[in-house]
Amino acid sequence: MAKTKRTWNPKKKKRLRTHGFLKRMASHDGRLVLKRRRNKGRKKLTVLKKV
């Protein structure tokens, strides 16, 4: 019987490309996300490279 593989296989590049600042800025909805986070006072708007 085959075991199910783990669903979380962290990759820094994929994380940045999916949730990074440039990806957020590329779409209207992404810019709204950044706007909400700025208004809320978040210190980090998007994921960082040091993850």
PDB file of N, CA and C in Angstrom:
ATOM      1  N   MET A   1       0.834  -1.189   0.000  1.00  0.00           N
ATOM      2  CA  MET A   1       0.000   0.000   0.000  1.00  0.00           C
ATOM      3  C   MET A   1       0.884   1.259   0.000  1.00  0.00           C
ATOM      4  N   ALA A   2       0.578   2.191  -0.867  1.00  0.00           N
ATOM      5  CA  ALA A   2       1.388   3.405  -0.975  1.00  0.00           C
ATOM      6  C   ALA A   2       1.014   4.399   0.118  1.00  0.00           C
ATOM      7  N   LYS A   3       2.045   4.988   0.697  1.00  0.00           N
ATOM      8  CA  LYS A   3       1.816   6.021   1.706  1.00  0.00           C
ATOM      9  C   LYS A   3       1.563   7.356   1.011  1.00  0.00           C
ATOM     10  N   THR A   4       0.781   8.196   1.638  1.00  0.00           N
ATOM     11  CA  THR A   4       0.587   9.536   1.076  1.00  0.00           C
ATOM     12  C   THR A   4       1.798  10.390   1.425  1.00  0.00           C
ATOM     13  N   LYS A   5       2.237  11.194   0.469  1.00  0.00           N
ATOM     14  CA  LYS A   5       3.418  12.013   0.724  1.00  0.00           C
ATOM     15  C   LYS A   5       3.044  13.274   1.486  1.00  0.00           C
ATOM     16  N   ARG A   6       4.046  13.893   2.058  1.00  0.00           N
ATOM     17  CA  ARG A   6       3.826  15.117   2.835  1.00  0.00           C
ATOM     18  C   ARG A   6       3.390  16.255   1.908  1.00  0.00           C
ATOM     19  N   THR A   7       2.472  17.068   2.383  1.00  0.00           N
ATOM     20  CA  THR A   7       1.944  18.140   1.535  1.00  0.00           C
ATOM     21  C   THR A   7       2.799  19.403   1.604  1.00  0.00           C
ATOM     22  N   TRP A   8       3.639  19.527   2.626  1.00  0.00           N
ATOM     23  CA  TRP A   8       4.455  20.730   2.775  1.00  0.00           C
ATOM     24  C   TRP A   8       5.903  20.403   2.473  1.00  0.00           C
ATOM     25  N   ASN A   9       6.361  20.792   1.272  1.00  0.00           N
ATOM     26  CA  ASN A   9       7.759  20.628   0.864  1.00  0.00           C
ATOM     27  C   ASN A   9       8.313  22.009   0.552  1.00  0.00           C
ATOM     28  N   PRO A  10       8.848  22.703   1.559  1.00  0.00           N
ATOM     29  CA  PRO A  10       9.208  24.105   1.400  1.00  0.00           C
ATOM     30  C   PRO A  10      10.269  24.374   0.336  1.00  0.00           C
ATOM     31  N   LYS A  11       9.979  25.361  -0.502  1.00  0.00           N
ATOM     32  CA  LYS A  11      10.914  25.844  -1.515  1.00  0.00           C
ATOM     33  C   LYS A  11      10.881  27.374  -1.453  1.00  0.00           C
ATOM     34  N   LYS A  12      12.037  27.981  -1.226  1.00  0.00           N
ATOM     35  CA  LYS A  12      12.099  29.439  -1.097  1.00  0.00           C
ATOM     36  C   LYS A  12      11.652  30.150  -2.371  1.00  0.00           C
ATOM     37  N   LYS A  13      12.116  29.650  -3.511  1.00  0.00           N
ATOM     38  CA  LYS A  13      11.804  30.308  -4.785  1.00  0.00           C
ATOM     39  C   LYS A  13      10.305  30.258  -5.079  1.00  0.00           C
ATOM     40  N   LYS A  14       9.706  29.098  -4.881  1.00  0.00           N
ATOM     41  CA  LYS A  14       8.273  28.944  -5.141  1.00  0.00           C
ATOM     42  C   LYS A  14       7.451  29.831  -4.208  1.00  0.00           C
ATOM     43  N   ARG A  15       7.869  29.905  -2.948  1.00  0.00           N
ATOM     44  CA  ARG A  15       7.176  30.736  -1.962  1.00  0.00           C
ATOM     45  C   ARG A  15       7.181  32.198  -2.393  1.00  0.00           C
ATOM     46  N   LEU A  16       8.350  32.675  -2.843  1.00  0.00           N
ATOM     47  CA  LEU A  16       8.449  34.068  -3.277  1.00  0.00           C
ATOM     48  C   LEU A  16       7.652  34.325  -4.548  1.00  0.00           C
ATOM     49  N   ARG A  17       7.709  33.385  -5.472  1.00  0.00           N
ATOM     50  CA  ARG A  17       7.006  33.581  -6.744  1.00  0.00           C
ATOM     51  C   ARG A  17       5.498  33.517  -6.582  1.00  0.00           C
ATOM     52  N   THR A  18       5.037  32.816  -5.563  1.00  0.00           N
ATOM     53  CA  THR A  18       3.596  32.686  -5.340  1.00  0.00           C
ATOM     54  C   THR A  18       3.050  33.807  -4.468  1.00  0.00           C
ATOM     55  N   HIS A  19       3.802  34.174  -3.416  1.00  0.00           N
ATOM     56  CA  HIS A  19       3.300  35.124  -2.428  1.00  0.00           C
ATOM     57  C   HIS A  19       4.144  36.381  -2.303  1.00  0.00           C
ATOM     58  N   GLY A  20       5.099  36.570  -3.203  1.00  0.00           N
ATOM     59  CA  GLY A  20       6.023  37.693  -3.104  1.00  0.00           C
ATOM     60  C   GLY A  20       5.420  39.032  -3.518  1.00  0.00           C
ATOM     61  N   PHE A  21       6.197  40.084  -3.299  1.00  0.00           N
ATOM     62  CA  PHE A  21       5.744  41.441  -3.573  1.00  0.00           C
ATOM     63  C   PHE A  21       5.427  41.654  -5.051  1.00  0.00           C
ATOM     64  N   LEU A  22       6.298  41.181  -5.926  1.00  0.00           N
ATOM     65  CA  LEU A  22       6.079  41.385  -7.367  1.00  0.00           C
ATOM     66  C   LEU A  22       4.818  40.674  -7.840  1.00  0.00           C
ATOM     67  N   LYS A  23       4.554  39.510  -7.289  1.00  0.00           N
ATOM     68  CA  LYS A  23       3.343  38.762  -7.641  1.00  0.00           C
ATOM     69  C   LYS A  23       2.100  39.519  -7.163  1.00  0.00           C
ATOM     70  N   ARG A  24       2.183  40.091  -5.968  1.00  0.00           N
ATOM     71  CA  ARG A  24       1.055  40.871  -5.440  1.00  0.00           C
ATOM     72  C   ARG A  24       0.798  42.109  -6.301  1.00  0.00           C
ATOM     73  N   MET A  25       1.887  42.769  -6.719  1.00  0.00           N
ATOM     74  CA  MET A  25       1.753  43.993  -7.508  1.00  0.00           C
ATOM     75  C   MET A  25       1.273  43.714  -8.933  1.00  0.00           C
ATOM     76  N   ALA A  26       1.385  42.482  -9.372  1.00  0.00           N
ATOM     77  CA  ALA A  26       1.054  42.145 -10.756  1.00  0.00           C
ATOM     78  C   ALA A  26      -0.445  42.111 -11.032  1.00  0.00           C
ATOM     79  N   SER A  27      -1.262  41.985  -9.987  1.00  0.00           N
ATOM     80  CA  SER A  27      -2.703  41.908 -10.207  1.00  0.00           C
ATOM     81  C   SER A  27      -3.437  42.933  -9.347  1.00  0.00           C
ATOM     82  N   HIS A  28      -4.630  43.261  -9.764  1.00  0.00           N
ATOM     83  CA  HIS A  28      -5.454  44.215  -9.024  1.00  0.00           C
ATOM     84  C   HIS A  28      -5.755  43.698  -7.623  1.00  0.00           C
ATOM     85  N   ASP A  29      -6.150  42.436  -7.530  1.00  0.00           N
ATOM     86  CA  ASP A  29      -6.474  41.854  -6.222  1.00  0.00           C
ATOM     87  C   ASP A  29      -5.251  41.808  -5.309  1.00  0.00           C
ATOM     88  N   GLY A  30      -4.098  41.548  -5.892  1.00  0.00           N
ATOM     89  CA  GLY A  30      -2.864  41.529  -5.107  1.00  0.00           C
ATOM     90  C   GLY A  30      -2.564  42.898  -4.521  1.00  0.00           C
ATOM     91  N   ARG A  31      -2.811  43.949  -5.309  1.00  0.00           N
ATOM     92  CA  ARG A  31      -2.599  45.308  -4.808  1.00  0.00           C
ATOM     93  C   ARG A  31      -3.577  45.629  -3.690  1.00  0.00           C
ATOM     94  N   LEU A  32      -4.779  45.073  -3.773  1.00  0.00           N
ATOM     95  CA  LEU A  32      -5.747  45.270  -2.688  1.00  0.00           C
ATOM     96  C   LEU A  32      -5.277  44.582  -1.406  1.00  0.00           C
ATOM     97  N   VAL A  33      -4.643  43.424  -1.557  1.00  0.00           N
ATOM     98  CA  VAL A  33      -4.079  42.716  -0.400  1.00  0.00           C
ATOM     99  C   VAL A  33      -3.044  43.599   0.290  1.00  0.00           C
ATOM    100  N   LEU A  34      -2.132  44.176  -0.511  1.00  0.00           N
ATOM    101  CA  LEU A  34      -1.096  45.048   0.048  1.00  0.00           C
ATOM    102  C   LEU A  34      -1.713  46.273   0.721  1.00  0.00           C
ATOM    103  N   LYS A  35      -2.741  46.822   0.094  1.00  0.00           N
ATOM    104  CA  LYS A  35      -3.422  47.993   0.653  1.00  0.00           C
ATOM    105  C   LYS A  35      -4.034  47.668   2.019  1.00  0.00           C
ATOM    106  N   ARG A  36      -4.705  46.511   2.098  1.00  0.00           N
ATOM    107  CA  ARG A  36      -5.302  46.076   3.367  1.00  0.00           C
ATOM    108  C   ARG A  36      -4.244  45.905   4.451  1.00  0.00           C
ATOM    109  N   ARG A  37      -3.125  45.302   4.074  1.00  0.00           N
ATOM    110  CA  ARG A  37      -2.070  45.039   5.052  1.00  0.00           C
ATOM    111  C   ARG A  37      -1.409  46.345   5.514  1.00  0.00           C
ATOM    112  N   ARG A  38      -1.263  47.313   4.592  1.00  0.00           N
ATOM    113  CA  ARG A  38      -0.722  48.623   4.984  1.00  0.00           C
ATOM    114  C   ARG A  38      -1.680  49.316   5.951  1.00  0.00           C
ATOM    115  N   ASN A  39      -2.967  49.295   5.618  1.00  0.00           N
ATOM    116  CA  ASN A  39      -3.964  49.953   6.462  1.00  0.00           C
ATOM    117  C   ASN A  39      -4.043  49.321   7.844  1.00  0.00           C
ATOM    118  N   LYS A  40      -3.830  48.020   7.900  1.00  0.00           N
ATOM    119  CA  LYS A  40      -3.880  47.298   9.171  1.00  0.00           C
ATOM    120  C   LYS A  40      -2.626  47.553  10.006  1.00  0.00           C
ATOM    121  N   GLY A  41      -1.560  48.022   9.330  1.00  0.00           N
ATOM    122  CA  GLY A  41      -0.321  48.331  10.035  1.00  0.00           C
ATOM    123  C   GLY A  41       0.647  47.161  10.132  1.00  0.00           C
ATOM    124  N   ARG A  42       0.546  46.244   9.192  1.00  0.00           N
ATOM    125  CA  ARG A  42       1.446  45.083   9.193  1.00  0.00           C
ATOM    126  C   ARG A  42       2.888  45.535   8.960  1.00  0.00           C
ATOM    127  N   LYS A  43       3.806  44.974   9.731  1.00  0.00           N
ATOM    128  CA  LYS A  43       5.221  45.289   9.537  1.00  0.00           C
ATOM    129  C   LYS A  43       5.727  44.636   8.253  1.00  0.00           C
ATOM    130  N   LYS A  44       5.279  43.399   8.002  1.00  0.00           N
ATOM    131  CA  LYS A  44       5.659  42.680   6.780  1.00  0.00           C
ATOM    132  C   LYS A  44       4.459  42.639   5.835  1.00  0.00           C
ATOM    133  N   LEU A  45       4.623  43.190   4.650  1.00  0.00           N
ATOM    134  CA  LEU A  45       3.528  43.179   3.679  1.00  0.00           C
ATOM    135  C   LEU A  45       3.449  41.850   2.945  1.00  0.00           C
ATOM    136  N   THR A  46       4.621  41.284   2.641  1.00  0.00           N
ATOM    137  CA  THR A  46       4.672  40.009   1.922  1.00  0.00           C
ATOM    138  C   THR A  46       5.738  39.134   2.564  1.00  0.00           C
ATOM    139  N   VAL A  47       5.878  37.910   2.053  1.00  0.00           N
ATOM    140  CA  VAL A  47       6.901  37.012   2.581  1.00  0.00           C
ATOM    141  C   VAL A  47       8.287  37.573   2.280  1.00  0.00           C
ATOM    142  N   LEU A  48       9.234  37.238   3.116  1.00  0.00           N
ATOM    143  CA  LEU A  48      10.589  37.747   2.972  1.00  0.00           C
ATOM    144  C   LEU A  48      11.517  36.679   2.419  1.00  0.00           C
ATOM    145  N   LYS A  49      12.659  37.109   1.910  1.00  0.00           N
ATOM    146  CA  LYS A  49      13.633  36.170   1.347  1.00  0.00           C
ATOM    147  C   LYS A  49      14.290  35.307   2.413  1.00  0.00           C
ATOM    148  N   LYS A  50      14.334  35.795   3.657  1.00  0.00           N
ATOM    149  CA  LYS A  50      15.051  35.091   4.719  1.00  0.00           C
ATOM    150  C   LYS A  50      14.298  33.899   5.292  1.00  0.00           C
ATOM    151  N   VAL A  51      13.223  33.481   4.639  1.00  0.00           N
ATOM    152  CA  VAL A  51      12.398  32.395   5.175  1.00  0.00           C
ATOM    153  C   VAL A  51      13.119  31.072   5.093  1.00  0.00           C
TER     154      VAL A  51
END
